[in-house]
Amino acid sequence: MITSKINPAIDSLISDEVAMRDARSILNQERDPNLPWSVYFEDGKIIIPRDAHIEVVGKRYNHWRYDFTYGTNFYHVMLSIGKVIEPEPAALHSEYCFLTLMYDENGKRIDEEYWDKFLD
C-alpha cells in the first residue's frame, strides 16, 4: 500500500517527539512560569496548565499546485492538549483544546492554530 511509504516519510521529517517538544515550547513561551496558558475561543477562555498532557492525534502532508499561504508543500501535525476524550463519530474532543502545527517542506515550524474540537 502507498501508506506504507507515506507514513514513515512524514514521521521521518517531523517525529512525534519534535512536534510535542514544539507544542510544549509554545505553551511555555514568554510567560511567568507560575501562570497557566490561556487560549480564547468563541465560547470563552480555556486555561491550560503548564504540565498538560500532549499527544499527537494526526499528521497530514499538503501538496498544492498553487502557492497558498504556506507554499506548495507543507505539513500539519495535529495535537491534543490534554487527554483525548472518548471520541464520537467524525469528531474528537480534548480535555483542553487541539493545536495544529504547520511545518514547511524542510521541517521548519511556520505557524500554529488552536481548535476547541477536531472535526473530520
PDB file of N, CA and C in Angstrom:
ATOM      1  N   MET A   1       0.829  -1.195   0.000  1.00  0.00           N
ATOM      2  CA  MET A   1       0.000   0.000   0.000  1.00  0.00           C
ATOM      3  C   MET A   1       0.871   1.255   0.000  1.00  0.00           C
ATOM      4  N   ILE A   2       0.324   2.293  -0.543  1.00  0.00           N
ATOM      5  CA  ILE A   2       1.055   3.556  -0.602  1.00  0.00           C
ATOM      6  C   ILE A   2       1.284   4.156   0.792  1.00  0.00           C
ATOM      7  N   THR A   3       0.353   3.917   1.731  1.00  0.00           N
ATOM      8  CA  THR A   3       0.532   4.469   3.079  1.00  0.00           C
ATOM      9  C   THR A   3       1.752   3.891   3.773  1.00  0.00           C
ATOM     10  N   SER A   4       2.179   2.697   3.375  1.00  0.00           N
ATOM     11  CA  SER A   4       3.382   2.117   3.981  1.00  0.00           C
ATOM     12  C   SER A   4       4.627   2.912   3.599  1.00  0.00           C
ATOM     13  N   LYS A   5       4.535   3.738   2.572  1.00  0.00           N
ATOM     14  CA  LYS A   5       5.638   4.613   2.178  1.00  0.00           C
ATOM     15  C   LYS A   5       5.450   6.038   2.709  1.00  0.00           C
ATOM     16  N   ILE A   6       4.203   6.504   2.702  1.00  0.00           N
ATOM     17  CA  ILE A   6       3.933   7.890   3.095  1.00  0.00           C
ATOM     18  C   ILE A   6       4.100   8.096   4.601  1.00  0.00           C
ATOM     19  N   ASN A   7       3.505   7.238   5.414  1.00  0.00           N
ATOM     20  CA  ASN A   7       3.557   7.434   6.871  1.00  0.00           C
ATOM     21  C   ASN A   7       4.980   7.498   7.406  1.00  0.00           C
ATOM     22  N   PRO A   8       5.872   6.562   7.051  1.00  0.00           N
ATOM     23  CA  PRO A   8       7.243   6.674   7.553  1.00  0.00           C
ATOM     24  C   PRO A   8       7.961   7.931   7.046  1.00  0.00           C
ATOM     25  N   ALA A   9       7.637   8.367   5.824  1.00  0.00           N
ATOM     26  CA  ALA A   9       8.270   9.578   5.288  1.00  0.00           C
ATOM     27  C   ALA A   9       7.867  10.802   6.105  1.00  0.00           C
ATOM     28  N   ILE A  10       6.580  10.920   6.434  1.00  0.00           N
ATOM     29  CA  ILE A  10       6.120  12.052   7.248  1.00  0.00           C
ATOM     30  C   ILE A  10       6.730  11.977   8.642  1.00  0.00           C
ATOM     31  N   ASP A  11       6.733  10.779   9.243  1.00  0.00           N
ATOM     32  CA  ASP A  11       7.313  10.614  10.580  1.00  0.00           C
ATOM     33  C   ASP A  11       8.809  10.906  10.595  1.00  0.00           C
ATOM     34  N   SER A  12       9.511  10.620   9.506  1.00  0.00           N
ATOM     35  CA  SER A  12      10.951  10.869   9.493  1.00  0.00           C
ATOM     36  C   SER A  12      11.264  12.362   9.429  1.00  0.00           C
ATOM     37  N   LEU A  13      10.372  13.152   8.839  1.00  0.00           N
ATOM     38  CA  LEU A  13      10.611  14.594   8.773  1.00  0.00           C
ATOM     39  C   LEU A  13      10.200  15.278  10.074  1.00  0.00           C
ATOM     40  N   ILE A  14       9.027  14.929  10.581  1.00  0.00           N
ATOM     41  CA  ILE A  14       8.518  15.543  11.811  1.00  0.00           C
ATOM     42  C   ILE A  14       8.071  14.417  12.733  1.00  0.00           C
ATOM     43  N   SER A  15       8.952  14.049  13.642  1.00  0.00           N
ATOM     44  CA  SER A  15       8.624  12.969  14.569  1.00  0.00           C
ATOM     45  C   SER A  15       7.624  13.459  15.611  1.00  0.00           C
ATOM     46  N   ASP A  16       6.954  12.516  16.250  1.00  0.00           N
ATOM     47  CA  ASP A  16       6.039  12.871  17.340  1.00  0.00           C
ATOM     48  C   ASP A  16       6.782  13.647  18.422  1.00  0.00           C
ATOM     49  N   GLU A  17       8.007  13.226  18.717  1.00  0.00           N
ATOM     50  CA  GLU A  17       8.787  13.886  19.766  1.00  0.00           C
ATOM     51  C   GLU A  17       9.070  15.345  19.424  1.00  0.00           C
ATOM     52  N   VAL A  18       9.408  15.623  18.169  1.00  0.00           N
ATOM     53  CA  VAL A  18       9.665  17.007  17.735  1.00  0.00           C
ATOM     54  C   VAL A  18       8.393  17.837  17.856  1.00  0.00           C
ATOM     55  N   ALA A  19       7.282  17.312  17.378  1.00  0.00           N
ATOM     56  CA  ALA A  19       6.018  18.053  17.430  1.00  0.00           C
ATOM     57  C   ALA A  19       5.595  18.315  18.876  1.00  0.00           C
ATOM     58  N   MET A  20       5.730  17.321  19.750  1.00  0.00           N
ATOM     59  CA  MET A  20       5.344  17.517  21.157  1.00  0.00           C
ATOM     60  C   MET A  20       6.291  18.495  21.852  1.00  0.00           C
ATOM     61  N   ARG A  21       7.578  18.453  21.517  1.00  0.00           N
ATOM     62  CA  ARG A  21       8.530  19.421  22.065  1.00  0.00           C
ATOM     63  C   ARG A  21       8.173  20.836  21.604  1.00  0.00           C
ATOM     64  N   ASP A  22       7.829  20.997  20.325  1.00  0.00           N
ATOM     65  CA  ASP A  22       7.451  22.310  19.804  1.00  0.00           C
ATOM     66  C   ASP A  22       6.174  22.810  20.489  1.00  0.00           C
ATOM     67  N   ALA A  23       5.201  21.919  20.679  1.00  0.00           N
ATOM     68  CA  ALA A  23       3.958  22.310  21.361  1.00  0.00           C
ATOM     69  C   ALA A  23       4.250  22.752  22.786  1.00  0.00           C
ATOM     70  N   ARG A  24       5.081  22.005  23.497  1.00  0.00           N
ATOM     71  CA  ARG A  24       5.420  22.347  24.880  1.00  0.00           C
ATOM     72  C   ARG A  24       6.128  23.705  24.920  1.00  0.00           C
ATOM     73  N   SER A  25       7.013  23.974  23.963  1.00  0.00           N
ATOM     74  CA  SER A  25       7.723  25.260  23.972  1.00  0.00           C
ATOM     75  C   SER A  25       6.766  26.424  23.702  1.00  0.00           C
ATOM     76  N   ILE A  26       5.747  26.200  22.850  1.00  0.00           N
ATOM     77  CA  ILE A  26       4.737  27.239  22.605  1.00  0.00           C
ATOM     78  C   ILE A  26       3.956  27.510  23.886  1.00  0.00           C
ATOM     79  N   LEU A  27       3.560  26.461  24.575  1.00  0.00           N
ATOM     80  CA  LEU A  27       2.762  26.622  25.792  1.00  0.00           C
ATOM     81  C   LEU A  27       3.551  27.276  26.924  1.00  0.00           C
ATOM     82  N   ASN A  28       4.877  27.179  26.870  1.00  0.00           N
ATOM     83  CA  ASN A  28       5.696  27.726  27.950  1.00  0.00           C
ATOM     84  C   ASN A  28       6.450  28.999  27.570  1.00  0.00           C
ATOM     85  N   GLN A  29       6.212  29.539  26.395  1.00  0.00           N
ATOM     86  CA  GLN A  29       6.976  30.701  25.947  1.00  0.00           C
ATOM     87  C   GLN A  29       6.521  31.992  26.630  1.00  0.00           C
ATOM     88  N   GLU A  30       7.477  32.840  26.889  1.00  0.00           N
ATOM     89  CA  GLU A  30       7.236  34.211  27.348  1.00  0.00           C
ATOM     90  C   GLU A  30       6.111  34.365  28.361  1.00  0.00           C
ATOM     91  N   ARG A  31       6.190  33.641  29.426  1.00  0.00           N
ATOM     92  CA  ARG A  31       5.182  33.825  30.463  1.00  0.00           C
ATOM     93  C   ARG A  31       5.771  33.493  31.815  1.00  0.00           C
ATOM     94  N   ASP A  32       5.122  33.978  32.806  1.00  0.00           N
ATOM     95  CA  ASP A  32       5.502  33.681  34.170  1.00  0.00           C
ATOM     96  C   ASP A  32       5.398  32.164  34.375  1.00  0.00           C
ATOM     97  N   PRO A  33       6.461  31.511  34.849  1.00  0.00           N
ATOM     98  CA  PRO A  33       6.420  30.060  34.996  1.00  0.00           C
ATOM     99  C   PRO A  33       5.359  29.559  35.974  1.00  0.00           C
ATOM    100  N   ASN A  34       4.796  30.451  36.769  1.00  0.00           N
ATOM    101  CA  ASN A  34       3.762  30.054  37.723  1.00  0.00           C
ATOM    102  C   ASN A  34       2.344  30.214  37.181  1.00  0.00           C
ATOM    103  N   LEU A  35       2.216  30.794  35.982  1.00  0.00           N
ATOM    104  CA  LEU A  35       0.887  31.035  35.412  1.00  0.00           C
ATOM    105  C   LEU A  35       0.568  30.029  34.324  1.00  0.00           C
ATOM    106  N   PRO A  36      -0.695  29.632  34.203  1.00  0.00           N
ATOM    107  CA  PRO A  36      -1.090  28.725  33.120  1.00  0.00           C
ATOM    108  C   PRO A  36      -1.214  29.478  31.801  1.00  0.00           C
ATOM    109  N   TRP A  37      -1.330  28.739  30.714  1.00  0.00           N
ATOM    110  CA  TRP A  37      -1.514  29.296  29.382  1.00  0.00           C
ATOM    111  C   TRP A  37      -3.006  29.457  29.131  1.00  0.00           C
ATOM    112  N   SER A  38      -3.405  30.506  28.455  1.00  0.00           N
ATOM    113  CA  SER A  38      -4.816  30.739  28.139  1.00  0.00           C
ATOM    114  C   SER A  38      -5.015  30.769  26.634  1.00  0.00           C
ATOM    115  N   VAL A  39      -6.079  30.144  26.175  1.00  0.00           N
ATOM    116  CA  VAL A  39      -6.470  30.180  24.766  1.00  0.00           C
ATOM    117  C   VAL A  39      -7.919  30.650  24.728  1.00  0.00           C
ATOM    118  N   TYR A  40      -8.226  31.548  23.809  1.00  0.00           N
ATOM    119  CA  TYR A  40      -9.568  32.121  23.726  1.00  0.00           C
ATOM    120  C   TYR A  40     -10.312  31.577  22.509  1.00  0.00           C
ATOM    121  N   PHE A  41     -11.544  31.133  22.747  1.00  0.00           N
ATOM    122  CA  PHE A  41     -12.439  30.663  21.699  1.00  0.00           C
ATOM    123  C   PHE A  41     -13.745  31.448  21.806  1.00  0.00           C
ATOM    124  N   GLU A  42     -14.637  31.265  20.854  1.00  0.00           N
ATOM    125  CA  GLU A  42     -15.930  31.954  20.892  1.00  0.00           C
ATOM    126  C   GLU A  42     -16.680  31.699  22.189  1.00  0.00           C
ATOM    127  N   ASP A  43     -16.556  30.488  22.706  1.00  0.00           N
ATOM    128  CA  ASP A  43     -17.275  30.115  23.931  1.00  0.00           C
ATOM    129  C   ASP A  43     -16.577  30.577  25.207  1.00  0.00           C
ATOM    130  N   GLY A  44     -15.431  31.221  25.073  1.00  0.00           N
ATOM    131  CA  GLY A  44     -14.731  31.712  26.258  1.00  0.00           C
ATOM    132  C   GLY A  44     -13.283  31.267  26.309  1.00  0.00           C
ATOM    133  N   LYS A  45     -12.666  31.517  27.436  1.00  0.00           N
ATOM    134  CA  LYS A  45     -11.252  31.270  27.645  1.00  0.00           C
ATOM    135  C   LYS A  45     -11.042  29.871  28.220  1.00  0.00           C
ATOM    136  N   ILE A  46     -10.002  29.188  27.732  1.00  0.00           N
ATOM    137  CA  ILE A  46      -9.607  27.895  28.262  1.00  0.00           C
ATOM    138  C   ILE A  46      -8.255  28.066  28.935  1.00  0.00           C
ATOM    139  N   ILE A  47      -8.145  27.609  30.157  1.00  0.00           N
ATOM    140  CA  ILE A  47      -6.894  27.667  30.907  1.00  0.00           C
ATOM    141  C   ILE A  47      -6.189  26.320  30.766  1.00  0.00           C
ATOM    142  N   ILE A  48      -4.931  26.352  30.345  1.00  0.00           N
ATOM    143  CA  ILE A  48      -4.156  25.127  30.148  1.00  0.00           C
ATOM    144  C   ILE A  48      -3.011  25.110  31.157  1.00  0.00           C
ATOM    145  N   PRO A  49      -2.956  24.106  32.027  1.00  0.00           N
ATOM    146  CA  PRO A  49      -1.851  24.037  32.988  1.00  0.00           C
ATOM    147  C   PRO A  49      -0.520  23.771  32.283  1.00  0.00           C
ATOM    148  N   ARG A  50       0.553  24.201  32.916  1.00  0.00           N
ATOM    149  CA  ARG A  50       1.900  24.044  32.348  1.00  0.00           C
ATOM    150  C   ARG A  50       2.236  22.598  32.027  1.00  0.00           C
ATOM    151  N   ASP A  51       1.780  21.687  32.843  1.00  0.00           N
ATOM    152  CA  ASP A  51       2.154  20.284  32.680  1.00  0.00           C
ATOM    153  C   ASP A  51       1.080  19.468  31.960  1.00  0.00           C
ATOM    154  N   ALA A  52       0.251  20.125  31.158  1.00  0.00           N
ATOM    155  CA  ALA A  52      -0.835  19.426  30.448  1.00  0.00           C
ATOM    156  C   ALA A  52      -0.274  18.313  29.570  1.00  0.00           C
ATOM    157  N   HIS A  53      -1.001  17.228  29.516  1.00  0.00           N
ATOM    158  CA  HIS A  53      -0.669  16.103  28.635  1.00  0.00           C
ATOM    159  C   HIS A  53      -0.745  16.578  27.185  1.00  0.00           C
ATOM    160  N   ILE A  54       0.201  16.145  26.356  1.00  0.00           N
ATOM    161  CA  ILE A  54       0.207  16.481  24.925  1.00  0.00           C
ATOM    162  C   ILE A  54       0.386  15.190  24.148  1.00  0.00           C
ATOM    163  N   GLU A  55      -0.459  14.977  23.139  1.00  0.00           N
ATOM    164  CA  GLU A  55      -0.282  13.801  22.291  1.00  0.00           C
ATOM    165  C   GLU A  55      -0.621  14.127  20.843  1.00  0.00           C
ATOM    166  N   VAL A  56       0.071  13.470  19.939  1.00  0.00           N
ATOM    167  CA  VAL A  56      -0.186  13.638  18.504  1.00  0.00           C
ATOM    168  C   VAL A  56      -1.413  12.817  18.140  1.00  0.00           C
ATOM    169  N   VAL A  57      -2.365  13.454  17.453  1.00  0.00           N
ATOM    170  CA  VAL A  57      -3.556  12.728  17.000  1.00  0.00           C
ATOM    171  C   VAL A  57      -3.560  12.511  15.489  1.00  0.00           C
ATOM    172  N   GLY A  58      -2.714  13.221  14.762  1.00  0.00           N
ATOM    173  CA  GLY A  58      -2.657  13.003  13.323  1.00  0.00           C
ATOM    174  C   GLY A  58      -1.627  13.882  12.646  1.00  0.00           C
ATOM    175  N   LYS A  59      -1.248  13.468  11.449  1.00  0.00           N
ATOM    176  CA  LYS A  59      -0.310  14.227  10.625  1.00  0.00           C
ATOM    177  C   LYS A  59      -0.847  14.251   9.208  1.00  0.00           C
ATOM    178  N   ARG A  60      -0.521  15.328   8.516  1.00  0.00           N
ATOM    179  CA  ARG A  60      -1.006  15.462   7.146  1.00  0.00           C
ATOM    180  C   ARG A  60       0.042  16.191   6.317  1.00  0.00           C
ATOM    181  N   TYR A  61       0.247  15.738   5.104  1.00  0.00           N
ATOM    182  CA  TYR A  61       1.116  16.401   4.135  1.00  0.00           C
ATOM    183  C   TYR A  61       0.230  17.050   3.092  1.00  0.00           C
ATOM    184  N   ASN A  62       0.520  18.293   2.744  1.00  0.00           N
ATOM    185  CA  ASN A  62      -0.242  19.023   1.728  1.00  0.00           C
ATOM    186  C   ASN A  62       0.665  19.360   0.552  1.00  0.00           C
ATOM    187  N   HIS A  63       0.253  18.966  -0.613  1.00  0.00           N
ATOM    188  CA  HIS A  63       0.961  19.338  -1.833  1.00  0.00           C
ATOM    189  C   HIS A  63      -0.040  20.036  -2.746  1.00  0.00           C
ATOM    190  N   TRP A  64       0.199  21.317  -2.975  1.00  0.00           N
ATOM    191  CA  TRP A  64      -0.705  22.127  -3.795  1.00  0.00           C
ATOM    192  C   TRP A  64      -0.028  22.466  -5.115  1.00  0.00           C
ATOM    193  N   ARG A  65      -0.804  22.596  -6.125  1.00  0.00           N
ATOM    194  CA  ARG A  65      -0.289  23.001  -7.445  1.00  0.00           C
ATOM    195  C   ARG A  65      -0.043  24.517  -7.495  1.00  0.00           C
ATOM    196  N   TYR A  66      -0.663  25.232  -6.539  1.00  0.00           N
ATOM    197  CA  TYR A  66      -0.509  26.683  -6.478  1.00  0.00           C
ATOM    198  C   TYR A  66       0.022  27.063  -5.109  1.00  0.00           C
ATOM    199  N   ASP A  67       0.695  28.191  -5.049  1.00  0.00           N
ATOM    200  CA  ASP A  67       1.313  28.645  -3.799  1.00  0.00           C
ATOM    201  C   ASP A  67       0.282  29.352  -2.930  1.00  0.00           C
ATOM    202  N   PHE A  68      -0.162  28.659  -1.866  1.00  0.00           N
ATOM    203  CA  PHE A  68      -1.068  29.253  -0.898  1.00  0.00           C
ATOM    204  C   PHE A  68      -0.248  29.891   0.216  1.00  0.00           C
ATOM    205  N   THR A  69      -0.868  30.200   1.301  1.00  0.00           N
ATOM    206  CA  THR A  69      -0.225  30.883   2.422  1.00  0.00           C
ATOM    207  C   THR A  69       1.087  30.243   2.842  1.00  0.00           C
ATOM    208  N   TYR A  70       1.133  28.906   2.888  1.00  0.00           N
ATOM    209  CA  TYR A  70       2.319  28.220   3.413  1.00  0.00           C
ATOM    210  C   TYR A  70       3.199  27.629   2.321  1.00  0.00           C
ATOM    211  N   GLY A  71       3.029  28.034   1.083  1.00  0.00           N
ATOM    212  CA  GLY A  71       3.804  27.473  -0.011  1.00  0.00           C
ATOM    213  C   GLY A  71       3.046  26.326  -0.663  1.00  0.00           C
ATOM    214  N   THR A  72       3.744  25.562  -1.482  1.00  0.00           N
ATOM    215  CA  THR A  72       3.094  24.476  -2.199  1.00  0.00           C
ATOM    216  C   THR A  72       3.195  23.140  -1.475  1.00  0.00           C
ATOM    217  N   ASN A  73       4.147  22.987  -0.568  1.00  0.00           N
ATOM    218  CA  ASN A  73       4.339  21.748   0.178  1.00  0.00           C
ATOM    219  C   ASN A  73       4.493  22.083   1.654  1.00  0.00           C
ATOM    220  N   PHE A  74       3.596  21.549   2.479  1.00  0.00           N
ATOM    221  CA  PHE A  74       3.728  21.776   3.909  1.00  0.00           C
ATOM    222  C   PHE A  74       3.040  20.661   4.676  1.00  0.00           C
ATOM    223  N   TYR A  75       3.361  20.586   5.948  1.00  0.00           N
ATOM    224  CA  TYR A  75       2.871  19.527   6.817  1.00  0.00           C
ATOM    225  C   TYR A  75       2.047  20.112   7.950  1.00  0.00           C
ATOM    226  N   HIS A  76       1.039  19.375   8.375  1.00  0.00           N
ATOM    227  CA  HIS A  76       0.259  19.707   9.573  1.00  0.00           C
ATOM    228  C   HIS A  76       0.477  18.574  10.563  1.00  0.00           C
ATOM    229  N   VAL A  77       0.702  18.930  11.809  1.00  0.00           N
ATOM    230  CA  VAL A  77       0.694  17.938  12.886  1.00  0.00           C
ATOM    231  C   VAL A  77      -0.372  18.396  13.864  1.00  0.00           C
ATOM    232  N   MET A  78      -1.360  17.543  14.098  1.00  0.00           N
ATOM    233  CA  MET A  78      -2.458  17.876  14.997  1.00  0.00           C
ATOM    234  C   MET A  78      -2.211  17.210  16.343  1.00  0.00           C
ATOM    235  N   LEU A  79      -2.262  18.035  17.406  1.00  0.00           N
ATOM    236  CA  LEU A  79      -2.006  17.537  18.749  1.00  0.00           C
ATOM    237  C   LEU A  79      -3.181  17.832  19.667  1.00  0.00           C
ATOM    238  N   SER A  80      -3.377  16.959  20.625  1.00  0.00           N
ATOM    239  CA  SER A  80      -4.360  17.203  21.675  1.00  0.00           C
ATOM    240  C   SER A  80      -3.608  17.778  22.867  1.00  0.00           C
ATOM    241  N   ILE A  81      -4.091  18.909  23.368  1.00  0.00           N
ATOM    242  CA  ILE A  81      -3.546  19.480  24.599  1.00  0.00           C
ATOM    243  C   ILE A  81      -4.498  19.015  25.694  1.00  0.00           C
ATOM    244  N   GLY A  82      -4.024  18.095  26.495  1.00  0.00           N
ATOM    245  CA  GLY A  82      -4.883  17.375  27.423  1.00  0.00           C
ATOM    246  C   GLY A  82      -5.262  16.053  26.782  1.00  0.00           C
ATOM    247  N   LYS A  83      -5.785  15.177  27.555  1.00  0.00           N
ATOM    248  CA  LYS A  83      -6.137  13.845  27.047  1.00  0.00           C
ATOM    249  C   LYS A  83      -7.311  13.927  26.067  1.00  0.00           C
ATOM    250  N   VAL A  84      -7.285  13.040  25.075  1.00  0.00           N
ATOM    251  CA  VAL A  84      -8.407  12.934  24.146  1.00  0.00           C
ATOM    252  C   VAL A  84      -9.565  12.298  24.900  1.00  0.00           C
ATOM    253  N   ILE A  85     -10.704  12.942  24.813  1.00  0.00           N
ATOM    254  CA  ILE A  85     -11.911  12.437  25.457  1.00  0.00           C
ATOM    255  C   ILE A  85     -12.585  11.494  24.473  1.00  0.00           C
ATOM    256  N   GLU A  86     -13.209  10.461  24.988  1.00  0.00           N
ATOM    257  CA  GLU A  86     -13.825   9.430  24.148  1.00  0.00           C
ATOM    258  C   GLU A  86     -14.461  10.047  22.910  1.00  0.00           C
ATOM    259  N   PRO A  87     -13.961   9.676  21.738  1.00  0.00           N
ATOM    260  CA  PRO A  87     -14.466  10.306  20.512  1.00  0.00           C
ATOM    261  C   PRO A  87     -15.889   9.891  20.172  1.00  0.00           C
ATOM    262  N   GLU A  88     -16.546  10.786  19.459  1.00  0.00           N
ATOM    263  CA  GLU A  88     -17.858  10.484  18.896  1.00  0.00           C
ATOM    264  C   GLU A  88     -17.666  10.404  17.383  1.00  0.00           C
ATOM    265  N   PRO A  89     -18.613   9.904  16.641  1.00  0.00           N
ATOM    266  CA  PRO A  89     -18.437   9.777  15.191  1.00  0.00           C
ATOM    267  C   PRO A  89     -18.055  11.118  14.547  1.00  0.00           C
ATOM    268  N   ALA A  90     -16.954  11.096  13.784  1.00  0.00           N
ATOM    269  CA  ALA A  90     -16.477  12.240  12.996  1.00  0.00           C
ATOM    270  C   ALA A  90     -16.016  13.431  13.828  1.00  0.00           C
ATOM    271  N   ALA A  91     -15.786  13.266  15.129  1.00  0.00           N
ATOM    272  CA  ALA A  91     -15.287  14.373  15.955  1.00  0.00           C
ATOM    273  C   ALA A  91     -14.476  13.826  17.121  1.00  0.00           C
ATOM    274  N   LEU A  92     -13.416  14.539  17.471  1.00  0.00           N
ATOM    275  CA  LEU A  92     -12.644  14.241  18.674  1.00  0.00           C
ATOM    276  C   LEU A  92     -12.782  15.428  19.613  1.00  0.00           C
ATOM    277  N   HIS A  93     -12.714  15.166  20.888  1.00  0.00           N
ATOM    278  CA  HIS A  93     -12.722  16.229  21.880  1.00  0.00           C
ATOM    279  C   HIS A  93     -11.486  16.073  22.742  1.00  0.00           C
ATOM    280  N   SER A  94     -10.977  17.177  23.217  1.00  0.00           N
ATOM    281  CA  SER A  94      -9.787  17.181  24.050  1.00  0.00           C
ATOM    282  C   SER A  94     -10.130  17.741  25.418  1.00  0.00           C
ATOM    283  N   GLU A  95      -9.344  17.345  26.391  1.00  0.00           N
ATOM    284  CA  GLU A  95      -9.520  17.869  27.744  1.00  0.00           C
ATOM    285  C   GLU A  95      -9.451  19.402  27.744  1.00  0.00           C
ATOM    286  N   TYR A  96      -8.551  19.980  26.928  1.00  0.00           N
ATOM    287  CA  TYR A  96      -8.409  21.432  26.844  1.00  0.00           C
ATOM    288  C   TYR A  96      -8.701  21.947  25.435  1.00  0.00           C
ATOM    289  N   CYS A  97      -7.854  21.574  24.472  1.00  0.00           N
ATOM    290  CA  CYS A  97      -8.039  22.031  23.093  1.00  0.00           C
ATOM    291  C   CYS A  97      -7.121  21.232  22.184  1.00  0.00           C
ATOM    292  N   PHE A  98      -7.193  21.528  20.897  1.00  0.00           N
ATOM    293  CA  PHE A  98      -6.282  20.938  19.915  1.00  0.00           C
ATOM    294  C   PHE A  98      -5.378  22.039  19.385  1.00  0.00           C
ATOM    295  N   LEU A  99      -4.176  21.649  19.018  1.00  0.00           N
ATOM    296  CA  LEU A  99      -3.184  22.559  18.451  1.00  0.00           C
ATOM    297  C   LEU A  99      -2.699  21.943  17.151  1.00  0.00           C
ATOM    298  N   THR A 100      -2.770  22.711  16.068  1.00  0.00           N
ATOM    299  CA  THR A 100      -2.215  22.266  14.793  1.00  0.00           C
ATOM    300  C   THR A 100      -0.944  23.058  14.540  1.00  0.00           C
ATOM    301  N   LEU A 101       0.149  22.347  14.340  1.00  0.00           N
ATOM    302  CA  LEU A 101       1.428  22.968  13.999  1.00  0.00           C
ATOM    303  C   LEU A 101       1.664  22.773  12.510  1.00  0.00           C
ATOM    304  N   MET A 102       2.071  23.844  11.823  1.00  0.00           N
ATOM    305  CA  MET A 102       2.385  23.760  10.409  1.00  0.00           C
ATOM    306  C   MET A 102       3.898  23.865  10.238  1.00  0.00           C
ATOM    307  N   TYR A 103       4.412  23.006   9.365  1.00  0.00           N
ATOM    308  CA  TYR A 103       5.846  22.964   9.065  1.00  0.00           C
ATOM    309  C   TYR A 103       6.036  23.083   7.565  1.00  0.00           C
ATOM    310  N   ASP A 104       7.122  23.774   7.151  1.00  0.00           N
ATOM    311  CA  ASP A 104       7.398  23.856   5.719  1.00  0.00           C
ATOM    312  C   ASP A 104       8.032  22.550   5.237  1.00  0.00           C
ATOM    313  N   GLU A 105       8.328  22.483   3.962  1.00  0.00           N
ATOM    314  CA  GLU A 105       8.849  21.235   3.393  1.00  0.00           C
ATOM    315  C   GLU A 105      10.216  20.847   3.923  1.00  0.00           C
ATOM    316  N   ASN A 106      10.887  21.778   4.625  1.00  0.00           N
ATOM    317  CA  ASN A 106      12.185  21.473   5.244  1.00  0.00           C
ATOM    318  C   ASN A 106      12.061  21.137   6.720  1.00  0.00           C
ATOM    319  N   GLY A 107      10.836  21.101   7.229  1.00  0.00           N
ATOM    320  CA  GLY A 107      10.629  20.754   8.626  1.00  0.00           C
ATOM    321  C   GLY A 107      10.715  21.928   9.591  1.00  0.00           C
ATOM    322  N   LYS A 108      10.711  23.166   9.064  1.00  0.00           N
ATOM    323  CA  LYS A 108      10.735  24.353   9.929  1.00  0.00           C
ATOM    324  C   LYS A 108       9.299  24.727  10.299  1.00  0.00           C
ATOM    325  N   ARG A 109       9.055  24.937  11.606  1.00  0.00           N
ATOM    326  CA  ARG A 109       7.712  25.315  12.047  1.00  0.00           C
ATOM    327  C   ARG A 109       7.389  26.713  11.550  1.00  0.00           C
ATOM    328  N   ILE A 110       6.211  26.877  10.922  1.00  0.00           N
ATOM    329  CA  ILE A 110       5.859  28.164  10.318  1.00  0.00           C
ATOM    330  C   ILE A 110       4.591  28.781  10.884  1.00  0.00           C
ATOM    331  N   ASP A 111       3.765  28.006  11.578  1.00  0.00           N
ATOM    332  CA  ASP A 111       2.541  28.593  12.125  1.00  0.00           C
ATOM    333  C   ASP A 111       1.881  27.605  13.076  1.00  0.00           C
ATOM    334  N   GLU A 112       0.890  28.094  13.818  1.00  0.00           N
ATOM    335  CA  GLU A 112       0.086  27.224  14.681  1.00  0.00           C
ATOM    336  C   GLU A 112      -1.334  27.745  14.745  1.00  0.00           C
ATOM    337  N   GLU A 113      -2.267  26.837  14.985  1.00  0.00           N
ATOM    338  CA  GLU A 113      -3.680  27.189  15.133  1.00  0.00           C
ATOM    339  C   GLU A 113      -4.249  26.378  16.280  1.00  0.00           C
ATOM    340  N   TYR A 114      -5.182  26.970  17.011  1.00  0.00           N
ATOM    341  CA  TYR A 114      -5.847  26.294  18.116  1.00  0.00           C
ATOM    342  C   TYR A 114      -7.276  25.990  17.727  1.00  0.00           C
ATOM    343  N   TRP A 115      -7.799  24.838  18.184  1.00  0.00           N
ATOM    344  CA  TRP A 115      -9.145  24.394  17.872  1.00  0.00           C
ATOM    345  C   TRP A 115      -9.802  23.899  19.147  1.00  0.00           C
ATOM    346  N   ASP A 116     -11.077  24.203  19.329  1.00  0.00           N
ATOM    347  CA  ASP A 116     -11.771  23.702  20.516  1.00  0.00           C
ATOM    348  C   ASP A 116     -12.269  22.279  20.315  1.00  0.00           C
ATOM    349  N   LYS A 117     -12.456  21.855  19.046  1.00  0.00           N
ATOM    350  CA  LYS A 117     -12.771  20.451  18.765  1.00  0.00           C
ATOM    351  C   LYS A 117     -12.180  20.098  17.414  1.00  0.00           C
ATOM    352  N   PHE A 118     -12.016  18.823  17.200  1.00  0.00           N
ATOM    353  CA  PHE A 118     -11.385  18.321  15.993  1.00  0.00           C
ATOM    354  C   PHE A 118     -12.440  17.592  15.191  1.00  0.00           C
ATOM    355  N   LEU A 119     -12.774  18.120  14.017  1.00  0.00           N
ATOM    356  CA  LEU A 119     -13.797  17.517  13.166  1.00  0.00           C
ATOM    357  C   LEU A 119     -13.134  16.860  11.971  1.00  0.00           C
ATOM    358  N   ASP A 120     -13.660  15.731  11.590  1.00  0.00           N
ATOM    359  CA  ASP A 120     -13.140  15.019  10.422  1.00  0.00           C
ATOM    360  C   ASP A 120     -13.778  15.589   9.167  1.00  0.00           C
TER     361      ASP A 120
END
